[in-house]
C-alpha atoms as a PDB file:
ATOM      1  CA  MET A   1      89.711 118.519  91.342  1.00  0.00           C
ATOM      2  CA  PRO A   2      90.433 114.798  90.942  1.00  0.00           C
ATOM      3  CA  PHE A   3      87.443 112.441  91.020  1.00  0.00           C
ATOM      4  CA  VAL A   4      88.146 110.827  94.399  1.00  0.00           C
ATOM      5  CA  ASN A   5      88.695 114.086  96.265  1.00  0.00           C
ATOM      6  CA  HIS A   6      85.703 115.743  94.628  1.00  0.00           C
ATOM      7  CA  TYR A   7      83.130 113.047  95.387  1.00  0.00           C
ATOM      8  CA  CYS A   8      84.363 112.075  98.815  1.00  0.00           C
ATOM      9  CA  LYS A   9      84.602 115.630 100.091  1.00  0.00           C
ATOM     10  CA  LYS A  10      81.264 116.613  98.534  1.00  0.00           C
ATOM     11  CA  TYR A  11      79.376 113.679 100.050  1.00  0.00           C
ATOM     12  CA  LEU A  12      80.940 114.115 103.495  1.00  0.00           C
ATOM     13  CA  ILE A  13      79.818 117.749 103.566  1.00  0.00           C
ATOM     14  CA  ASP A  14      76.362 116.814 102.252  1.00  0.00           C
ATOM     15  CA  ALA A  15      76.017 114.213 105.002  1.00  0.00           C
ATOM     16  CA  TYR A  16      77.434 116.288 107.832  1.00  0.00           C
ATOM     17  CA  PRO A  17      76.797 119.984 107.063  1.00  0.00           C
ATOM     18  CA  ASP A  18      77.498 120.889 110.699  1.00  0.00           C
ATOM     19  CA  GLN A  19      81.068 119.649 110.162  1.00  0.00           C
ATOM     20  CA  LYS A  20      81.608 121.522 106.880  1.00  0.00           C
ATOM     21  CA  ASP A  21      84.323 123.815 108.231  1.00  0.00           C
ATOM     22  CA  ILE A  22      86.218 120.905 109.812  1.00  0.00           C
ATOM     23  CA  ILE A  23      86.074 118.892 106.594  1.00  0.00           C
ATOM     24  CA  GLU A  24      87.019 121.770 104.304  1.00  0.00           C
ATOM     25  CA  ASN A  25      89.861 122.974 106.517  1.00  0.00           C
ATOM     26  CA  ASN A  26      91.408 119.564 107.162  1.00  0.00           C
ATOM     27  CA  PHE A  27      90.575 117.365 104.168  1.00  0.00           C
ATOM     28  CA  SER A  28      93.754 118.083 102.228  1.00  0.00           C
ATOM     29  CA  SER A  29      95.986 117.166 105.174  1.00  0.00           C
ATOM     30  CA  TRP A  30      94.080 114.067 106.287  1.00  0.00           C
ATOM     31  CA  TYR A  31      95.601 110.628 105.708  1.00  0.00           C
ATOM     32  CA  LYS A  32      93.275 109.000 103.192  1.00  0.00           C
ATOM     33  CA  LEU A  33      92.847 105.464 101.781  1.00  0.00           C
ATOM     34  CA  ASN A  34      91.284 104.746  98.366  1.00  0.00           C
ATOM     35  CA  VAL A  35      90.267 101.051  98.457  1.00  0.00           C
ATOM     36  CA  GLY A  36      89.948  99.263  95.121  1.00  0.00           C
ATOM     37  CA  CYS A  37      91.070 102.354  93.256  1.00  0.00           C
ATOM     38  CA  GLY A  38      91.290 100.726  89.823  1.00  0.00           C
ATOM     39  CA  THR A  39      92.534 103.405  87.421  1.00  0.00           C
ATOM     40  CA  ARG A  40      91.151 106.271  89.500  1.00  0.00           C
ATOM     41  CA  LEU A  41      94.290 107.224  91.349  1.00  0.00           C
ATOM     42  CA  ASP A  42      94.766 110.374  93.350  1.00  0.00           C
ATOM     43  CA  ASN A  43      98.215 111.499  94.380  1.00  0.00           C
ATOM     44  CA  THR A  44      96.960 112.867  97.699  1.00  0.00           C
ATOM     45  CA  TRP A  45      95.713 109.408  98.774  1.00  0.00           C
ATOM     46  CA  ILE A  46      97.105 105.946  99.424  1.00  0.00           C
ATOM     47  CA  ASN A  47      95.596 104.046  96.476  1.00  0.00           C
ATOM     48  CA  VAL A  48      95.100 100.287  96.975  1.00  0.00           C
ATOM     49  CA  ASP A  49      94.213  97.650  94.389  1.00  0.00           C
ATOM     50  CA  GLU A  50      95.280  94.134  93.503  1.00  0.00           C
ATOM     51  CA  LEU A  51      95.932  95.226  89.922  1.00  0.00           C
ATOM     52  CA  ASN A  52      99.496  95.530  88.676  1.00  0.00           C
ATOM     53  CA  LEU A  53      99.057  98.983  87.162  1.00  0.00           C
ATOM     54  CA  ASP A  54     101.389 100.753  84.784  1.00  0.00           C
ATOM     55  CA  LEU A  55     101.721 104.036  86.647  1.00  0.00           C
ATOM     56  CA  THR A  56     103.142 105.729  83.557  1.00  0.00           C
ATOM     57  CA  ASP A  57      99.870 105.144  81.675  1.00  0.00           C
ATOM     58  CA  LYS A  58      98.508 108.540  80.641  1.00  0.00           C
ATOM     59  CA  ASN A  59      94.938 107.212  80.993  1.00  0.00           C
ATOM     60  CA  LEU A  60      95.319 107.022  84.755  1.00  0.00           C
ATOM     61  CA  GLU A  61      93.868 109.978  86.560  1.00  0.00           C
ATOM     62  CA  GLY A  62      96.655 110.558  89.082  1.00  0.00           C
ATOM     63  CA  GLU A  63     100.054 112.078  88.503  1.00  0.00           C
ATOM     64  CA  ASN A  64     103.433 111.491  90.115  1.00  0.00           C
ATOM     65  CA  ILE A  65     102.300 108.294  91.831  1.00  0.00           C
ATOM     66  CA  ASP A  66     104.823 105.618  92.743  1.00  0.00           C
ATOM     67  CA  TYR A  67     104.563 102.067  94.039  1.00  0.00           C
ATOM     68  CA  ILE A  68     104.957 101.956  97.811  1.00  0.00           C
ATOM     69  CA  ASN A  69     105.264  99.115 100.278  1.00  0.00           C
ATOM     70  CA  ILE A  70     103.317  98.245 103.402  1.00  0.00           C
ATOM     71  CA  HIS A  71     106.231  99.150 105.667  1.00  0.00           C
ATOM     72  CA  ASP A  72     106.228 102.673 104.275  1.00  0.00           C
ATOM     73  CA  VAL A  73     102.472 103.058 104.787  1.00  0.00           C
ATOM     74  CA  ASN A  74     102.423 101.660 108.305  1.00  0.00           C
ATOM     75  CA  ASN A  75     105.184 103.994 109.387  1.00  0.00           C
ATOM     76  CA  LYS A  76     103.694 106.944 107.525  1.00  0.00           C
ATOM     77  CA  PHE A  77     106.851 107.647 105.512  1.00  0.00           C
ATOM     78  CA  VAL A  78     104.689 108.437 102.484  1.00  0.00           C
ATOM     79  CA  SER A  79     101.690 110.635 101.808  1.00  0.00           C
ATOM     80  CA  GLU A  80     100.861 109.365  98.335  1.00  0.00           C
ATOM     81  CA  GLY A  81     101.325 106.316  96.163  1.00  0.00           C
ATOM     82  CA  PHE A  82      99.913 103.027  94.911  1.00  0.00           C
ATOM     83  CA  LEU A  83      99.936  99.910  97.075  1.00  0.00           C
ATOM     84  CA  GLN A  84      99.309  96.628  95.256  1.00  0.00           C
ATOM     85  CA  LEU A  85      97.297  94.623  97.768  1.00  0.00           C
ATOM     86  CA  ASP A  86      94.187  92.409  97.739  1.00  0.00           C
ATOM     87  CA  PHE A  87      91.288  94.194  99.456  1.00  0.00           C
ATOM     88  CA  TYR A  88      90.734  91.033 101.557  1.00  0.00           C
ATOM     89  CA  LYS A  89      94.205  91.508 103.039  1.00  0.00           C
ATOM     90  CA  LEU A  90      94.098  95.066 104.346  1.00  0.00           C
ATOM     91  CA  ASP A  91      94.648  93.694 107.850  1.00  0.00           C
ATOM     92  CA  LYS A  92      98.332  93.912 106.905  1.00  0.00           C
ATOM     93  CA  LEU A  93      98.026  97.661 107.508  1.00  0.00           C
ATOM     94  CA  ASN A  94      98.073  99.190 110.955  1.00  0.00           C
ATOM     95  CA  CYS A  95      94.768  99.831 112.710  1.00  0.00           C
ATOM     96  CA  GLU A  96      93.551 103.391 113.211  1.00  0.00           C
ATOM     97  CA  LEU A  97      95.880 104.755 110.559  1.00  0.00           C
ATOM     98  CA  PHE A  98      93.531 106.735 108.292  1.00  0.00           C
ATOM     99  CA  ASP A  99      91.242 109.748 108.659  1.00  0.00           C
ATOM    100  CA  VAL A 100      89.159 108.855 105.588  1.00  0.00           C
ATOM    101  CA  ILE A 101      88.447 105.636 103.692  1.00  0.00           C
ATOM    102  CA  PHE A 102      86.866 105.804 100.216  1.00  0.00           C
ATOM    103  CA  SER A 103      85.386 102.727  98.493  1.00  0.00           C
ATOM    104  CA  GLN A 104      83.730 103.312  95.109  1.00  0.00           C
ATOM    105  CA  HIS A 105      82.087 100.237  93.527  1.00  0.00           C
ATOM    106  CA  VAL A 106      84.187  97.708  95.435  1.00  0.00           C
ATOM    107  CA  VAL A 107      82.021  96.165  98.138  1.00  0.00           C
ATOM    108  CA  GLU A 108      79.852  94.353  95.546  1.00  0.00           C
ATOM    109  CA  HIS A 109      82.966  92.446  94.431  1.00  0.00           C
ATOM    110  CA  ILE A 110      83.360  90.905  97.920  1.00  0.00           C
ATOM    111  CA  MET A 111      82.100  87.332  98.313  1.00  0.00           C
ATOM    112  CA  HIS A 112      78.793  87.484 100.197  1.00  0.00           C
ATOM    113  CA  ASP A 113      80.057  85.351 103.076  1.00  0.00           C
ATOM    114  CA  ARG A 114      83.096  87.597 103.554  1.00  0.00           C
ATOM    115  CA  VAL A 115      81.437  91.008 103.471  1.00  0.00           C
ATOM    116  CA  ASP A 116      81.193  91.535 107.224  1.00  0.00           C
ATOM    117  CA  GLN A 117      84.754  90.508 108.019  1.00  0.00           C
ATOM    118  CA  THR A 118      86.166  92.516 105.123  1.00  0.00           C
ATOM    119  CA  LEU A 119      84.292  95.702 106.020  1.00  0.00           C
ATOM    120  CA  LYS A 120      85.190  95.196 109.693  1.00  0.00           C
ATOM    121  CA  THR A 121      88.873  95.119 108.691  1.00  0.00           C
ATOM    122  CA  TRP A 122      88.554  98.268 106.593  1.00  0.00           C
ATOM    123  CA  ILE A 123      86.773 100.107 109.416  1.00  0.00           C
ATOM    124  CA  SER A 124      89.501  99.066 111.854  1.00  0.00           C
ATOM    125  CA  LEU A 125      91.929 101.109 109.740  1.00  0.00           C
ATOM    126  CA  LEU A 126      90.058 104.327 110.561  1.00  0.00           C
ATOM    127  CA  LYS A 127      91.100 106.572 113.397  1.00  0.00           C
ATOM    128  CA  PRO A 128      88.372 107.306 115.965  1.00  0.00           C
ATOM    129  CA  GLY A 129      86.256 110.036 114.394  1.00  0.00           C
ATOM    130  CA  GLY A 130      87.394 109.047 110.905  1.00  0.00           C
ATOM    131  CA  TYR A 131      84.996 109.011 107.937  1.00  0.00           C
ATOM    132  CA  PHE A 132      83.987 106.001 105.850  1.00  0.00           C
ATOM    133  CA  TYR A 133      82.515 106.388 102.329  1.00  0.00           C
ATOM    134  CA  VAL A 134      81.042 103.486 100.379  1.00  0.00           C
ATOM    135  CA  CYS A 135      79.263 103.425  97.017  1.00  0.00           C
ATOM    136  CA  THR A 136      77.734 100.283  95.499  1.00  0.00           C
ATOM    137  CA  PRO A 137      74.871  99.319  93.153  1.00  0.00           C
ATOM    138  CA  ASP A 138      71.498  99.474  94.918  1.00  0.00           C
ATOM    139  CA  PHE A 139      70.107  95.995  94.346  1.00  0.00           C
ATOM    140  CA  LYS A 140      66.660  96.834  95.708  1.00  0.00           C
ATOM    141  CA  PHE A 141      66.254 100.005  93.647  1.00  0.00           C
ATOM    142  CA  ILE A 142      67.197  98.195  90.427  1.00  0.00           C
ATOM    143  CA  ILE A 143      64.810  95.274  91.003  1.00  0.00           C
ATOM    144  CA  ASP A 144      61.958  97.549  92.111  1.00  0.00           C
ATOM    145  CA  ASP A 145      62.375  99.665  88.987  1.00  0.00           C
ATOM    146  CA  VAL A 146      62.639  96.905  86.413  1.00  0.00           C
ATOM    147  CA  TYR A 147      59.600  95.129  87.845  1.00  0.00           C
ATOM    148  CA  GLY A 148      57.751  98.385  88.530  1.00  0.00           C
ATOM    149  CA  GLU A 149      57.574 101.614  86.567  1.00  0.00           C
ATOM    150  CA  GLN A 150      60.650 100.804  84.427  1.00  0.00           C
ATOM    151  CA  LYS A 151      61.635 104.475  84.601  1.00  0.00           C
ATOM    152  CA  TYR A 152      65.353 103.690  84.390  1.00  0.00           C
ATOM    153  CA  PHE A 153      65.606 100.043  83.325  1.00  0.00           C
ATOM    154  CA  LYS A 154      63.333  98.849  80.529  1.00  0.00           C
ATOM    155  CA  THR A 155      64.334  95.186  80.608  1.00  0.00           C
ATOM    156  CA  ILE A 156      65.809  92.683  83.029  1.00  0.00           C
ATOM    157  CA  ASP A 157      68.759  92.302  80.643  1.00  0.00           C
ATOM    158  CA  GLU A 158      69.563  96.002  81.032  1.00  0.00           C
ATOM    159  CA  ALA A 159      69.299  95.748  84.817  1.00  0.00           C
ATOM    160  CA  TRP A 160      71.430  92.598  84.770  1.00  0.00           C
ATOM    161  CA  VAL A 161      74.476  94.631  83.698  1.00  0.00           C
ATOM    162  CA  PHE A 162      74.253  96.794  86.786  1.00  0.00           C
ATOM    163  CA  ILE A 163      73.541  93.923  89.161  1.00  0.00           C
ATOM    164  CA  PHE A 164      76.054  91.305  88.069  1.00  0.00           C
ATOM    165  CA  ASN A 165      78.603  93.153  85.908  1.00  0.00           C
ATOM    166  CA  GLY A 166      79.518  90.123  83.852  1.00  0.00           C
ATOM    167  CA  GLY A 167      79.750  87.822  86.836  1.00  0.00           C
ATOM    168  CA  THR A 168      82.218  89.926  88.872  1.00  0.00           C
ATOM    169  CA  HIS A 169      79.695  91.056  91.497  1.00  0.00           C
ATOM    170  CA  PHE A 170      79.381  88.574  94.361  1.00  0.00           C
ATOM    171  CA  SER A 171      77.213  90.451  96.893  1.00  0.00           C
ATOM    172  CA  GLY A 172      74.116  92.621  96.626  1.00  0.00           C
ATOM    173  CA  HIS A 173      73.167  95.515  98.884  1.00  0.00           C
ATOM    174  CA  ASP A 174      70.191  97.685  99.687  1.00  0.00           C
ATOM    175  CA  PRO A 175      70.098 100.894 101.781  1.00  0.00           C
ATOM    176  CA  ILE A 176      68.711  99.564 105.058  1.00  0.00           C
ATOM    177  CA  ASN A 177      70.701  96.325 105.011  1.00  0.00           C
ATOM    178  CA  LEU A 178      73.987  98.074 104.323  1.00  0.00           C
ATOM    179  CA  LYS A 179      73.349 100.844 106.848  1.00  0.00           C
ATOM    180  CA  ASN A 180      72.572  98.337 109.585  1.00  0.00           C
ATOM    181  CA  ARG A 181      75.636  96.313 108.636  1.00  0.00           C
ATOM    182  CA  LEU A 182      77.915  99.344 108.936  1.00  0.00           C
ATOM    183  CA  LEU A 183      76.394 100.254 112.311  1.00  0.00           C
ATOM    184  CA  LYS A 184      76.915  96.714 113.574  1.00  0.00           C
ATOM    185  CA  LEU A 185      80.533  96.798 112.428  1.00  0.00           C
ATOM    186  CA  GLY A 186      81.426  99.900 114.409  1.00  0.00           C
ATOM    187  CA  LEU A 187      80.352 103.020 112.525  1.00  0.00           C
ATOM    188  CA  SER A 188      77.960 105.616 113.877  1.00  0.00           C
ATOM    189  CA  ASN A 189      75.812 108.388 112.414  1.00  0.00           C
ATOM    190  CA  VAL A 190      75.574 106.468 109.122  1.00  0.00           C
ATOM    191  CA  LYS A 191      73.796 108.480 106.435  1.00  0.00           C
ATOM    192  CA  ILE A 192      72.214 107.321 103.180  1.00  0.00           C
ATOM    193  CA  LEU A 193      72.810 110.045 100.614  1.00  0.00           C
ATOM    194  CA  PRO A 194      70.033 111.191  98.251  1.00  0.00           C
ATOM    195  CA  ARG A 195      70.211 110.308  94.569  1.00  0.00           C
ATOM    196  CA  ASP A 196      70.597 112.534  91.516  1.00  0.00           C
ATOM    197  CA  GLU A 197      67.387 111.706  89.653  1.00  0.00           C
ATOM    198  CA  ASP A 198      68.713 113.147  86.381  1.00  0.00           C
ATOM    199  CA  LYS A 199      71.361 110.458  85.973  1.00  0.00           C
ATOM    200  CA  LYS A 200      70.384 106.816  85.478  1.00  0.00           C
ATOM    201  CA  GLU A 201      73.813 105.474  86.365  1.00  0.00           C
ATOM    202  CA  VAL A 202      73.745 107.413  89.645  1.00  0.00           C
ATOM    203  CA  MET A 203      70.166 106.443  90.374  1.00  0.00           C
ATOM    204  CA  ALA A 204      71.313 102.829  90.424  1.00  0.00           C
ATOM    205  CA  GLU A 205      73.974 103.635  92.997  1.00  0.00           C
ATOM    206  CA  LEU A 206      73.747 103.558  96.762  1.00  0.00           C
ATOM    207  CA  VAL A 207      76.039 105.944  98.677  1.00  0.00           C
ATOM    208  CA  LEU A 208      76.517 105.817 102.449  1.00  0.00           C
ATOM    209  CA  VAL A 209      78.901 107.593 104.771  1.00  0.00           C
ATOM    210  CA  GLY A 210      79.588 106.952 108.420  1.00  0.00           C
ATOM    211  CA  VAL A 211      81.835 107.992 111.296  1.00  0.00           C
ATOM    212  CA  LYS A 212      83.940 105.721 113.464  1.00  0.00           C
END
């Protein structure tokens, strides 16, 4: 199963076990948006990124993906494809269009003073009852570890890579702050997912899901 489908579906079921049958029975037919997809494309999603990708590149995960335009997406003439669009400009898409929105390591690239408005725009694209998935480095966990037990990060230099990513991360997030932010912006039943303690790179991640 492609990366995006696997992780999104798994975490939604983990967060909402009472909705497992609904998620499993409908996930494949839902209209889904992969925000800031990078090279992780899935041909059952609308994949959005500002990158000008070579869709014939064999290193990309997806197959049979074509460039699409906003008109096609807004009128639902397509069920798969790659849309080249800045994540600040998703207001060009119609509101309440998608059943699921997936954002893996994107929100930390948003300028700190634009986080609320950007997330508000993304959430507006969800249908009522739609699911929102977000994964981002956990700033608080990383700092607490490097200045505490140093179980995962032995030096501040090592932690620096996760926090700032060479200067491309412009906002930092912790579990309670991000949960409250998502609730304020219109989501409900927001869940913070537990970590996999066997994997350092996952331990440094924060995963939340919510329902519109």
